[in-house]
């Protein structure tokens, strides 16, 4: 997979392929030097919010204008237990992927 930026204007999607995943710049380490047998619980919370604004005017009918703003938030938490087999030692880490889509 080709690593690309999600910055605005940094890519042009092929027709029918307006979304693509890309890995983050590096792994996120949860635990250093874990020796098996062991189990480590990993929890990760995610939150995303977005706001939409709209102004509606009826200039031909009256001078009354209506404006509103809407904010939505989505949150979730995942928990996973990673088991390190006996005889193995190392870091527990993951590399997140971002989903890039067309939009402003």
Protein backbone atom coordinates (compact mmCIF):
# COMPACT_ATOMS: atom_id res chain seq x y z
CA UNK A 1 0.00 0.00 0.00
CA UNK A 2 1.24 3.46 -0.88
CA UNK A 3 1.50 5.77 2.13
CA UNK A 4 -0.27 9.05 1.38
CA UNK A 5 -1.23 12.14 3.33
CA UNK A 6 -4.82 12.97 4.31
CA UNK A 7 -4.17 16.72 4.05
CA UNK A 8 -6.72 18.73 2.07
CA UNK A 9 -5.78 18.88 -1.60
CA UNK A 10 -2.91 16.40 -1.22
CA UNK A 11 -4.43 13.66 -3.35
CA UNK A 12 -6.89 13.07 -6.15
CA UNK A 13 -9.00 9.95 -5.94
CA UNK A 14 -9.42 7.61 -8.88
CA UNK A 15 -13.06 7.37 -10.03
CA UNK A 16 -14.90 4.89 -7.84
CA UNK A 17 -12.08 4.90 -5.24
CA UNK A 18 -12.92 8.01 -3.22
CA UNK A 19 -11.87 6.35 0.05
CA UNK A 20 -8.61 4.70 1.03
CA UNK A 21 -6.95 3.61 4.29
CA UNK A 22 -3.49 4.77 5.27
CA UNK A 23 -1.35 3.75 8.23
CA UNK A 24 -0.38 6.26 10.89
CA UNK A 25 3.21 7.47 10.93
CA UNK A 26 4.28 4.92 13.54
CA UNK A 27 3.12 2.34 16.06
CA UNK A 28 1.60 3.20 19.43
CA UNK A 29 3.28 1.16 22.16
CA UNK A 30 1.06 0.10 25.07
CA UNK A 31 3.49 -2.03 27.08
CA UNK A 32 7.29 -2.34 26.91
CA UNK A 33 9.16 -5.63 27.31
CA UNK A 34 6.37 -7.99 28.31
CA UNK A 35 7.57 -11.55 29.01
CA UNK A 36 5.23 -14.49 28.48
CA UNK A 37 3.23 -16.14 29.70
CA UNK A 38 1.28 -12.96 30.38
CA UNK A 39 -1.93 -11.18 29.50
CA UNK A 40 -2.30 -7.43 29.21
CA UNK A 41 -5.60 -5.59 28.94
CA UNK A 42 -5.67 -2.78 26.39
CA UNK A 43 -8.43 -0.15 26.39
CA UNK A 44 -8.74 2.63 23.84
CA UNK A 45 -11.35 5.38 23.82
CA UNK A 46 -12.24 7.23 20.63
CA UNK A 47 -14.24 10.41 20.21
CA UNK A 48 -15.25 12.39 17.14
CA UNK A 49 -17.44 15.47 16.88
CA UNK A 50 -18.60 17.58 13.98
CA UNK A 51 -20.67 20.72 13.52
CA UNK A 52 -22.99 21.72 10.69
CA UNK A 53 -24.29 25.27 10.25
CA UNK A 54 -27.07 26.50 7.99
CA UNK A 55 -28.53 29.90 7.17
CA UNK A 56 -31.89 29.95 5.44
CA UNK A 57 -33.39 33.20 4.23
CA UNK A 58 -36.64 33.93 2.47
CA UNK A 59 -35.75 37.27 0.91
CA UNK A 60 -38.53 37.14 -1.69
CA UNK A 61 -41.24 36.42 0.87
CA UNK A 62 -40.05 38.36 3.91
CA UNK A 63 -36.87 39.61 5.49
CA UNK A 64 -36.98 36.83 8.08
CA UNK A 65 -33.86 34.65 8.13
CA UNK A 66 -33.41 31.40 10.02
CA UNK A 67 -30.06 30.06 11.14
CA UNK A 68 -29.18 26.98 13.11
CA UNK A 69 -26.15 24.98 14.13
CA UNK A 70 -26.03 21.30 14.96
CA UNK A 71 -23.21 19.48 16.75
CA UNK A 72 -22.96 15.70 16.87
CA UNK A 73 -20.53 13.59 18.90
CA UNK A 74 -19.74 9.88 18.67
CA UNK A 75 -17.71 8.05 21.30
CA UNK A 76 -16.78 4.45 22.02
CA UNK A 77 -14.26 2.40 23.98
CA UNK A 78 -12.84 -0.99 23.05
CA UNK A 79 -11.09 -3.33 25.48
CA UNK A 80 -8.97 -6.27 24.39
CA UNK A 81 -6.77 -8.72 26.31
CA UNK A 82 -3.55 -9.56 24.48
CA UNK A 83 -1.93 -12.83 25.56
CA UNK A 84 1.84 -13.23 25.27
CA UNK A 85 2.82 -16.89 24.82
CA UNK A 86 5.38 -18.52 27.10
CA UNK A 87 8.94 -17.96 25.94
CA UNK A 88 8.20 -14.76 24.03
CA UNK A 89 9.23 -11.27 25.09
CA UNK A 90 8.56 -7.94 23.42
CA UNK A 91 6.56 -4.74 23.20
CA UNK A 92 2.80 -4.72 22.73
CA UNK A 93 1.95 -2.11 20.10
CA UNK A 94 -0.39 -1.42 17.20
CA UNK A 95 -0.41 0.78 14.13
CA UNK A 96 -3.75 2.56 13.58
CA UNK A 97 -5.13 3.11 10.08
CA UNK A 98 -6.90 6.29 9.01
CA UNK A 99 -9.72 6.25 6.44
CA UNK A 100 -9.29 9.17 4.06
CA UNK A 101 -12.33 10.35 2.13
CA UNK A 102 -13.26 13.18 -0.18
CA UNK A 103 -14.52 16.23 1.66
CA UNK A 104 -13.60 19.59 3.07
